[in-house]
N, C-alpha and C. Protein backbone atom coordinates (compact mmCIF):
# COMPACT_ATOMS: atom_id res chain seq x y z
N MET A 1 62.05 8.32 17.32
CA MET A 1 61.53 8.15 18.66
C MET A 1 60.30 7.25 18.57
N LYS A 2 60.28 6.23 19.38
CA LYS A 2 59.17 5.29 19.41
C LYS A 2 58.03 5.86 20.22
N GLN A 3 56.89 5.25 20.11
CA GLN A 3 55.70 5.74 20.78
C GLN A 3 55.87 5.67 22.30
N ALA A 4 56.45 4.64 22.81
CA ALA A 4 56.62 4.51 24.25
C ALA A 4 57.55 5.60 24.78
N GLN A 5 58.59 5.93 24.04
CA GLN A 5 59.50 6.98 24.47
C GLN A 5 58.81 8.34 24.47
N PHE A 6 57.98 8.55 23.49
CA PHE A 6 57.24 9.82 23.39
C PHE A 6 56.29 9.97 24.57
N ILE A 7 55.57 8.91 24.91
CA ILE A 7 54.63 8.97 26.04
C ILE A 7 55.40 9.20 27.34
N TRP A 8 56.55 8.54 27.54
CA TRP A 8 57.35 8.73 28.74
C TRP A 8 57.81 10.18 28.85
N THR A 9 58.24 10.80 27.69
CA THR A 9 58.69 12.19 27.68
C THR A 9 57.53 13.13 28.04
N LEU A 10 56.35 12.84 27.56
CA LEU A 10 55.19 13.68 27.90
C LEU A 10 54.86 13.59 29.38
N ARG A 11 55.01 12.40 29.98
CA ARG A 11 54.74 12.26 31.41
C ARG A 11 55.79 13.00 32.24
N GLN A 12 56.99 13.10 31.76
CA GLN A 12 58.06 13.76 32.50
C GLN A 12 58.06 15.28 32.28
N TRP A 13 57.39 15.73 31.26
CA TRP A 13 57.41 17.15 30.89
C TRP A 13 56.95 18.06 32.02
N PRO A 14 55.83 17.77 32.71
CA PRO A 14 55.41 18.69 33.78
C PRO A 14 56.47 18.86 34.87
N LYS A 15 57.21 17.84 35.14
CA LYS A 15 58.22 17.91 36.18
C LYS A 15 59.37 18.84 35.77
N TYR A 16 59.74 18.82 34.48
CA TYR A 16 60.87 19.61 34.01
C TYR A 16 60.47 21.02 33.56
N ALA A 17 59.24 21.20 33.11
CA ALA A 17 58.82 22.48 32.55
C ALA A 17 58.57 23.52 33.62
N GLY A 18 57.94 23.18 34.67
CA GLY A 18 57.63 24.12 35.74
C GLY A 18 56.47 25.05 35.34
N VAL A 19 56.34 26.13 36.08
CA VAL A 19 55.24 27.08 35.88
C VAL A 19 55.37 27.80 34.53
N LEU A 20 56.58 28.19 34.18
CA LEU A 20 56.76 28.90 32.91
C LEU A 20 56.43 28.00 31.71
N GLY A 21 56.70 26.75 31.81
CA GLY A 21 56.35 25.82 30.74
C GLY A 21 54.84 25.73 30.55
N TRP A 22 54.12 25.66 31.70
CA TRP A 22 52.65 25.61 31.61
C TRP A 22 52.09 26.93 31.07
N VAL A 23 52.65 28.04 31.48
CA VAL A 23 52.20 29.34 30.96
C VAL A 23 52.48 29.42 29.46
N GLY A 24 53.64 29.00 29.03
CA GLY A 24 53.98 29.00 27.61
C GLY A 24 53.05 28.12 26.81
N LEU A 25 52.77 26.92 27.34
CA LEU A 25 51.84 26.01 26.65
C LEU A 25 50.45 26.63 26.57
N GLY A 26 50.03 27.29 27.66
CA GLY A 26 48.71 27.95 27.66
C GLY A 26 48.66 29.07 26.64
N LEU A 27 49.75 29.83 26.53
CA LEU A 27 49.78 30.92 25.54
C LEU A 27 49.75 30.38 24.11
N ILE A 28 50.45 29.28 23.89
CA ILE A 28 50.43 28.68 22.55
C ILE A 28 49.03 28.21 22.20
N VAL A 29 48.37 27.53 23.13
CA VAL A 29 46.99 27.05 22.90
C VAL A 29 46.06 28.24 22.68
N ALA A 30 46.20 29.28 23.51
CA ALA A 30 45.34 30.46 23.35
C ALA A 30 45.58 31.13 22.01
N GLY A 31 46.84 31.20 21.58
CA GLY A 31 47.14 31.81 20.28
C GLY A 31 46.53 31.03 19.13
N VAL A 32 46.60 29.72 19.19
CA VAL A 32 46.01 28.88 18.13
C VAL A 32 44.49 29.06 18.11
N LEU A 33 43.87 29.08 19.30
CA LEU A 33 42.42 29.26 19.35
C LEU A 33 42.00 30.64 18.82
N ILE A 34 42.72 31.67 19.20
CA ILE A 34 42.39 33.01 18.71
C ILE A 34 42.57 33.08 17.20
N TYR A 35 43.64 32.50 16.71
CA TYR A 35 43.87 32.50 15.26
C TYR A 35 42.72 31.81 14.54
N ARG A 36 42.30 30.65 15.05
CA ARG A 36 41.23 29.89 14.37
C ARG A 36 39.87 30.55 14.53
N GLN A 37 39.65 31.26 15.64
CA GLN A 37 38.35 31.87 15.90
C GLN A 37 38.18 33.25 15.26
N THR A 38 39.26 33.99 15.10
CA THR A 38 39.11 35.36 14.58
C THR A 38 39.82 35.59 13.25
N VAL A 39 41.05 35.18 13.11
CA VAL A 39 41.82 35.52 11.92
C VAL A 39 41.33 34.74 10.70
N VAL A 40 41.12 33.45 10.85
CA VAL A 40 40.69 32.63 9.71
C VAL A 40 39.32 33.08 9.20
N PRO A 41 38.29 33.27 10.06
CA PRO A 41 37.01 33.76 9.53
C PRO A 41 37.11 35.17 8.93
N PHE A 42 37.94 36.01 9.53
CA PHE A 42 38.12 37.36 9.00
C PHE A 42 38.71 37.31 7.60
N ASN A 43 39.71 36.49 7.38
CA ASN A 43 40.31 36.34 6.04
C ASN A 43 39.29 35.79 5.04
N ARG A 44 38.49 34.82 5.46
CA ARG A 44 37.45 34.28 4.57
C ARG A 44 36.45 35.37 4.20
N ASP A 45 36.05 36.18 5.21
CA ASP A 45 35.10 37.26 4.96
C ASP A 45 35.68 38.29 4.00
N LEU A 46 36.95 38.63 4.17
CA LEU A 46 37.59 39.59 3.26
C LEU A 46 37.65 39.04 1.84
N ASP A 47 37.99 37.77 1.69
CA ASP A 47 38.03 37.16 0.36
C ASP A 47 36.65 37.17 -0.29
N ARG A 48 35.62 36.84 0.50
CA ARG A 48 34.25 36.84 -0.03
C ARG A 48 33.83 38.25 -0.44
N ARG A 49 34.14 39.25 0.39
CA ARG A 49 33.77 40.63 0.05
C ARG A 49 34.51 41.12 -1.18
N GLU A 50 35.77 40.77 -1.30
CA GLU A 50 36.54 41.17 -2.47
C GLU A 50 35.96 40.55 -3.74
N ALA A 51 35.57 39.29 -3.66
CA ALA A 51 34.94 38.65 -4.81
C ALA A 51 33.61 39.32 -5.15
N ASP A 52 32.84 39.70 -4.11
CA ASP A 52 31.56 40.39 -4.35
C ASP A 52 31.77 41.75 -5.01
N VAL A 53 32.79 42.48 -4.55
CA VAL A 53 33.07 43.80 -5.13
C VAL A 53 33.49 43.66 -6.59
N GLN A 54 34.33 42.69 -6.89
CA GLN A 54 34.75 42.48 -8.28
C GLN A 54 33.56 42.08 -9.14
N ASP A 55 32.67 41.25 -8.60
CA ASP A 55 31.48 40.86 -9.35
C ASP A 55 30.57 42.06 -9.59
N MET A 56 30.39 42.89 -8.56
CA MET A 56 29.55 44.09 -8.72
C MET A 56 30.16 45.05 -9.74
N ALA A 57 31.47 45.23 -9.70
CA ALA A 57 32.13 46.12 -10.66
C ALA A 57 31.95 45.60 -12.07
N ARG A 58 32.07 44.29 -12.25
CA ARG A 58 31.88 43.70 -13.58
C ARG A 58 30.44 43.92 -14.06
N ARG A 59 29.47 43.71 -13.13
CA ARG A 59 28.07 43.90 -13.53
C ARG A 59 27.76 45.37 -13.82
N LEU A 60 28.31 46.29 -13.00
CA LEU A 60 28.08 47.71 -13.25
C LEU A 60 28.66 48.14 -14.59
N LYS A 61 29.84 47.64 -14.89
CA LYS A 61 30.47 47.99 -16.16
C LYS A 61 29.63 47.48 -17.33
N SER A 62 29.16 46.26 -17.23
CA SER A 62 28.34 45.73 -18.33
C SER A 62 26.99 46.44 -18.40
N ASN A 63 26.43 46.80 -17.22
CA ASN A 63 25.16 47.54 -17.23
C ASN A 63 25.33 48.93 -17.81
N ALA A 64 26.46 49.58 -17.51
CA ALA A 64 26.70 50.92 -18.05
C ALA A 64 26.85 50.88 -19.55
N ILE A 65 27.55 49.88 -20.06
CA ILE A 65 27.70 49.75 -21.50
C ILE A 65 26.35 49.46 -22.14
N ALA A 66 25.58 48.57 -21.53
CA ALA A 66 24.26 48.24 -22.07
C ALA A 66 23.32 49.44 -21.99
N ALA A 67 23.41 50.20 -20.88
CA ALA A 67 22.52 51.35 -20.71
C ALA A 67 22.83 52.44 -21.73
N SER A 68 24.10 52.62 -22.04
CA SER A 68 24.43 53.66 -23.01
C SER A 68 23.92 53.29 -24.40
N THR A 69 23.94 52.02 -24.73
CA THR A 69 23.42 51.62 -26.04
C THR A 69 21.90 51.57 -26.02
N VAL A 70 21.32 51.19 -24.87
CA VAL A 70 19.87 51.11 -24.78
C VAL A 70 19.26 52.50 -24.74
N ALA A 71 19.93 53.43 -24.08
CA ALA A 71 19.38 54.78 -23.94
C ALA A 71 19.27 55.50 -25.27
N GLY A 72 19.83 54.92 -26.31
CA GLY A 72 19.72 55.53 -27.63
C GLY A 72 20.63 56.72 -27.81
N LEU A 73 21.73 56.76 -27.08
CA LEU A 73 22.66 57.86 -27.25
C LEU A 73 23.26 57.78 -28.64
N PRO A 74 23.39 58.91 -29.29
CA PRO A 74 23.99 58.87 -30.62
C PRO A 74 25.45 58.47 -30.53
N PRO A 75 25.92 57.67 -31.44
CA PRO A 75 27.33 57.26 -31.39
C PRO A 75 28.24 58.44 -31.70
N LEU A 76 29.44 58.36 -31.18
CA LEU A 76 30.42 59.40 -31.47
C LEU A 76 30.90 59.25 -32.90
N LYS A 77 31.30 60.35 -33.46
CA LYS A 77 31.78 60.33 -34.84
C LYS A 77 33.25 59.96 -34.87
N THR A 78 33.75 59.70 -36.06
CA THR A 78 35.15 59.33 -36.22
C THR A 78 35.99 60.59 -36.38
N PRO A 79 37.31 60.50 -36.13
CA PRO A 79 38.17 61.69 -36.21
C PRO A 79 38.19 62.36 -37.58
N ASN A 80 37.89 61.63 -38.64
CA ASN A 80 37.93 62.26 -39.97
C ASN A 80 36.74 63.19 -40.20
N THR A 81 35.82 63.28 -39.25
CA THR A 81 34.68 64.20 -39.39
C THR A 81 34.96 65.56 -38.75
N PHE A 82 36.16 65.77 -38.25
CA PHE A 82 36.46 67.02 -37.56
C PHE A 82 36.38 68.21 -38.51
N THR A 83 36.89 68.08 -39.73
CA THR A 83 36.80 69.20 -40.68
C THR A 83 35.35 69.51 -41.02
N GLU A 84 34.54 68.47 -41.10
CA GLU A 84 33.10 68.69 -41.34
C GLU A 84 32.48 69.43 -40.16
N PHE A 85 32.91 69.08 -38.94
CA PHE A 85 32.42 69.77 -37.76
C PHE A 85 32.80 71.25 -37.80
N LEU A 86 34.06 71.56 -38.16
CA LEU A 86 34.48 72.96 -38.26
C LEU A 86 33.66 73.71 -39.31
N ARG A 87 33.38 73.04 -40.42
CA ARG A 87 32.55 73.65 -41.47
C ARG A 87 31.15 73.92 -40.93
N ASN A 88 30.60 72.97 -40.16
CA ASN A 88 29.27 73.16 -39.58
C ASN A 88 29.24 74.29 -38.57
N VAL A 89 30.30 74.44 -37.79
CA VAL A 89 30.37 75.57 -36.84
C VAL A 89 30.31 76.88 -37.60
N SER A 90 31.02 76.96 -38.71
CA SER A 90 30.98 78.17 -39.53
C SER A 90 29.58 78.40 -40.10
N LEU A 91 28.95 77.33 -40.57
CA LEU A 91 27.59 77.44 -41.11
C LEU A 91 26.59 77.86 -40.03
N TRP A 92 26.71 77.27 -38.84
CA TRP A 92 25.81 77.66 -37.74
C TRP A 92 26.05 79.11 -37.36
N GLY A 93 27.30 79.56 -37.39
CA GLY A 93 27.58 80.96 -37.12
C GLY A 93 26.90 81.87 -38.13
N ASP A 94 26.99 81.51 -39.42
CA ASP A 94 26.30 82.30 -40.45
C ASP A 94 24.80 82.27 -40.26
N LYS A 95 24.27 81.10 -39.91
CA LYS A 95 22.82 80.95 -39.70
C LYS A 95 22.32 81.85 -38.58
N HIS A 96 23.12 81.99 -37.53
CA HIS A 96 22.72 82.79 -36.38
C HIS A 96 23.30 84.20 -36.40
N HIS A 97 23.83 84.62 -37.54
CA HIS A 97 24.36 85.97 -37.74
C HIS A 97 25.50 86.27 -36.76
N ILE A 98 26.39 85.32 -36.60
CA ILE A 98 27.54 85.49 -35.72
C ILE A 98 28.79 85.46 -36.59
N ALA A 99 29.62 86.47 -36.41
CA ALA A 99 30.85 86.58 -37.19
C ALA A 99 31.98 85.85 -36.47
N ILE A 100 32.37 84.70 -37.02
CA ILE A 100 33.50 83.94 -36.47
C ILE A 100 34.71 84.29 -37.31
N SER A 101 35.71 84.90 -36.67
CA SER A 101 36.84 85.40 -37.45
C SER A 101 37.92 84.34 -37.66
N GLN A 102 38.21 83.53 -36.69
CA GLN A 102 39.24 82.50 -36.82
C GLN A 102 39.00 81.44 -35.78
N SER A 103 39.67 80.32 -35.89
CA SER A 103 39.56 79.28 -34.87
C SER A 103 40.90 78.59 -34.72
N ASP A 104 41.20 78.23 -33.50
CA ASP A 104 42.40 77.48 -33.17
C ASP A 104 41.95 76.15 -32.59
N TYR A 105 42.70 75.10 -32.91
CA TYR A 105 42.34 73.81 -32.35
C TYR A 105 43.59 73.00 -32.05
N LYS A 106 43.40 72.03 -31.15
CA LYS A 106 44.46 71.08 -30.81
C LYS A 106 43.78 69.73 -30.54
N SER A 107 44.54 68.67 -30.72
CA SER A 107 43.97 67.34 -30.50
C SER A 107 44.79 66.60 -29.46
N SER A 108 44.12 65.69 -28.76
CA SER A 108 44.80 64.84 -27.79
C SER A 108 44.08 63.50 -27.72
N ALA A 109 44.86 62.43 -27.58
CA ALA A 109 44.29 61.09 -27.47
C ALA A 109 43.89 60.84 -26.02
N GLU A 110 42.79 60.11 -25.85
CA GLU A 110 42.29 59.78 -24.52
C GLU A 110 41.86 58.32 -24.50
N ALA A 111 41.66 57.80 -23.31
CA ALA A 111 41.16 56.43 -23.11
C ALA A 111 42.00 55.42 -23.86
N ASP A 112 43.30 55.48 -23.61
CA ASP A 112 44.25 54.54 -24.23
C ASP A 112 44.17 54.55 -25.75
N GLY A 113 43.93 55.72 -26.32
CA GLY A 113 43.92 55.85 -27.77
C GLY A 113 42.60 55.50 -28.42
N HIS A 114 41.56 55.19 -27.64
CA HIS A 114 40.25 54.85 -28.23
C HIS A 114 39.43 56.09 -28.57
N LEU A 115 39.78 57.21 -27.97
CA LEU A 115 39.06 58.47 -28.21
C LEU A 115 40.07 59.55 -28.58
N VAL A 116 39.61 60.51 -29.38
CA VAL A 116 40.41 61.68 -29.71
C VAL A 116 39.58 62.91 -29.36
N ARG A 117 40.15 63.80 -28.53
CA ARG A 117 39.45 65.01 -28.14
C ARG A 117 40.12 66.19 -28.85
N TYR A 118 39.30 66.95 -29.58
CA TYR A 118 39.76 68.17 -30.25
C TYR A 118 39.30 69.36 -29.42
N GLY A 119 40.22 70.20 -29.04
CA GLY A 119 39.88 71.44 -28.36
C GLY A 119 39.82 72.56 -29.39
N VAL A 120 38.69 73.23 -29.46
CA VAL A 120 38.49 74.30 -30.45
C VAL A 120 38.23 75.59 -29.69
N GLN A 121 38.87 76.66 -30.14
CA GLN A 121 38.71 77.95 -29.50
C GLN A 121 38.60 79.01 -30.58
N PHE A 122 37.59 79.89 -30.45
CA PHE A 122 37.47 80.95 -31.44
C PHE A 122 36.77 82.17 -30.85
N PRO A 123 37.17 83.36 -31.33
CA PRO A 123 36.45 84.57 -30.97
C PRO A 123 35.33 84.80 -31.98
N ALA A 124 34.29 85.46 -31.53
CA ALA A 124 33.16 85.75 -32.42
C ALA A 124 32.46 87.00 -31.91
N GLN A 125 31.54 87.46 -32.73
CA GLN A 125 30.81 88.67 -32.39
C GLN A 125 29.37 88.48 -32.82
N GLY A 126 28.41 88.83 -31.95
CA GLY A 126 27.01 88.68 -32.29
C GLY A 126 26.13 89.16 -31.15
N ARG A 127 24.83 89.08 -31.38
CA ARG A 127 23.86 89.46 -30.35
C ARG A 127 23.68 88.31 -29.38
N TYR A 128 23.20 88.60 -28.17
CA TYR A 128 23.07 87.58 -27.14
C TYR A 128 22.15 86.44 -27.58
N VAL A 129 21.02 86.76 -28.16
CA VAL A 129 20.06 85.74 -28.58
C VAL A 129 20.69 84.81 -29.63
N ASP A 130 21.46 85.39 -30.54
CA ASP A 130 22.11 84.58 -31.57
C ASP A 130 23.22 83.70 -30.98
N ILE A 131 23.98 84.26 -30.04
CA ILE A 131 25.03 83.48 -29.39
C ILE A 131 24.43 82.32 -28.62
N ARG A 132 23.34 82.58 -27.95
CA ARG A 132 22.67 81.51 -27.20
C ARG A 132 22.17 80.42 -28.13
N ALA A 133 21.61 80.77 -29.27
CA ALA A 133 21.14 79.77 -30.23
C ALA A 133 22.31 78.95 -30.78
N LEU A 134 23.44 79.61 -31.04
CA LEU A 134 24.62 78.89 -31.52
C LEU A 134 25.11 77.89 -30.47
N VAL A 135 25.17 78.30 -29.23
CA VAL A 135 25.63 77.40 -28.16
C VAL A 135 24.67 76.22 -28.01
N GLU A 136 23.38 76.46 -28.14
CA GLU A 136 22.41 75.36 -28.06
C GLU A 136 22.60 74.38 -29.22
N ASP A 137 22.86 74.90 -30.42
CA ASP A 137 23.12 74.02 -31.57
C ASP A 137 24.38 73.19 -31.35
N LEU A 138 25.41 73.82 -30.78
CA LEU A 138 26.66 73.11 -30.53
C LEU A 138 26.47 72.01 -29.49
N GLN A 139 25.75 72.31 -28.41
CA GLN A 139 25.56 71.33 -27.36
C GLN A 139 24.66 70.18 -27.80
N ALA A 140 23.86 70.38 -28.82
CA ALA A 140 23.00 69.30 -29.31
C ALA A 140 23.77 68.26 -30.11
N GLN A 141 24.99 68.57 -30.48
CA GLN A 141 25.81 67.63 -31.27
C GLN A 141 26.43 66.58 -30.35
N PRO A 142 26.44 65.30 -30.78
CA PRO A 142 27.07 64.27 -29.95
C PRO A 142 28.58 64.48 -29.88
N GLY A 143 29.10 64.42 -28.66
CA GLY A 143 30.54 64.56 -28.45
C GLY A 143 31.03 65.98 -28.31
N VAL A 144 30.13 66.96 -28.33
CA VAL A 144 30.54 68.37 -28.22
C VAL A 144 30.20 68.86 -26.82
N ARG A 145 31.18 69.54 -26.21
CA ARG A 145 30.97 70.11 -24.89
C ARG A 145 31.54 71.52 -24.88
N VAL A 146 30.75 72.46 -24.45
CA VAL A 146 31.22 73.84 -24.32
C VAL A 146 32.01 73.92 -23.02
N GLU A 147 33.30 74.24 -23.15
CA GLU A 147 34.18 74.30 -21.99
C GLU A 147 34.07 75.67 -21.31
N THR A 148 34.30 76.74 -22.06
CA THR A 148 34.19 78.08 -21.50
C THR A 148 33.52 78.99 -22.52
N LEU A 149 32.81 79.96 -22.00
CA LEU A 149 32.17 80.97 -22.84
C LEU A 149 32.33 82.30 -22.11
N ILE A 150 33.06 83.20 -22.74
CA ILE A 150 33.30 84.52 -22.14
C ILE A 150 32.63 85.56 -23.03
N LEU A 151 31.74 86.32 -22.45
CA LEU A 151 31.03 87.37 -23.18
C LEU A 151 31.46 88.73 -22.63
N THR A 152 31.75 89.65 -23.54
CA THR A 152 32.08 91.02 -23.13
C THR A 152 31.34 91.98 -24.04
N ARG A 153 31.14 93.18 -23.52
CA ARG A 153 30.46 94.22 -24.27
C ARG A 153 31.30 95.47 -24.17
N GLY A 154 31.51 96.13 -25.30
CA GLY A 154 32.32 97.35 -25.32
C GLY A 154 31.70 98.45 -24.49
N ARG A 155 30.44 98.73 -24.74
CA ARG A 155 29.71 99.76 -24.00
C ARG A 155 28.37 99.18 -23.60
N ILE A 156 27.79 99.71 -22.58
CA ILE A 156 26.55 99.16 -22.04
C ILE A 156 25.38 99.28 -23.01
N ASP A 157 25.39 100.28 -23.88
CA ASP A 157 24.26 100.47 -24.78
C ASP A 157 24.42 99.73 -26.10
N GLU A 158 25.53 99.02 -26.29
CA GLU A 158 25.74 98.27 -27.53
C GLU A 158 24.97 96.96 -27.51
N ASP A 159 24.47 96.59 -28.67
CA ASP A 159 23.72 95.34 -28.81
C ASP A 159 24.66 94.16 -29.11
N MET A 160 25.81 94.46 -29.70
CA MET A 160 26.75 93.40 -30.09
C MET A 160 27.65 93.01 -28.92
N LEU A 161 27.83 91.72 -28.78
CA LEU A 161 28.71 91.18 -27.75
C LEU A 161 29.93 90.54 -28.41
N PHE A 162 31.04 90.59 -27.70
CA PHE A 162 32.23 89.88 -28.15
C PHE A 162 32.31 88.60 -27.32
N MET A 163 32.58 87.52 -28.00
CA MET A 163 32.55 86.22 -27.34
C MET A 163 33.86 85.49 -27.59
N GLN A 164 34.33 84.79 -26.56
CA GLN A 164 35.45 83.86 -26.69
C GLN A 164 34.89 82.49 -26.28
N LEU A 165 34.82 81.58 -27.21
CA LEU A 165 34.21 80.28 -26.97
C LEU A 165 35.27 79.20 -27.07
N GLN A 166 35.30 78.33 -26.07
CA GLN A 166 36.19 77.19 -26.09
C GLN A 166 35.34 75.95 -25.91
N LEU A 167 35.47 75.00 -26.83
CA LEU A 167 34.69 73.78 -26.76
C LEU A 167 35.56 72.59 -27.07
N SER A 168 35.07 71.41 -26.76
CA SER A 168 35.79 70.20 -27.09
C SER A 168 34.88 69.31 -27.93
N TYR A 169 35.50 68.63 -28.87
CA TYR A 169 34.80 67.74 -29.79
C TYR A 169 35.43 66.36 -29.64
N LEU A 170 34.66 65.42 -29.13
CA LEU A 170 35.16 64.08 -28.83
C LEU A 170 34.78 63.13 -29.96
N THR A 171 35.77 62.40 -30.45
CA THR A 171 35.53 61.44 -31.52
C THR A 171 36.03 60.06 -31.08
N GLU A 172 35.51 59.05 -31.72
CA GLU A 172 35.84 57.67 -31.38
C GLU A 172 36.69 57.06 -32.49
N VAL A 173 37.81 56.47 -32.12
CA VAL A 173 38.68 55.80 -33.09
C VAL A 173 38.15 54.39 -33.24
N ARG A 174 37.85 54.01 -34.46
CA ARG A 174 37.26 52.66 -34.67
C ARG A 174 38.23 51.75 -35.29
């Protein structure tokens, strides 16, 4: 179509389109204006906010890693130290006059295999002050968390308590 034919068709359009043609053209123009005034800036704003959130997450992650090393937290031990940990629990029990009769444990990998968590559970018997000192010694160790501690007493006048202790020992695979 040549330019002259196009101009002639545009001049004839109002005659053939009628009222509905003008309304349709107005709706098309209004739709384009609304799209350019609201949708395009909204999409740009969403893209900018998403980039900001990703940048903040990256900075927070790097700050958290830096803070943990800066704070002087003791590093986690390796999984081959678990038997040494069990030996130390027995020694701490002897030190605090607590009779540990047996212990059960299980291991599970965490954090995509970068960490190994050992769950340790054992019954013991001792005085309250000694049990409290043992728990404090355990919590002072890096990677150790006391999960549950159940204390029972046979009779109210007895000094000895029966304890069921469940703790977890977290190690780092290097």
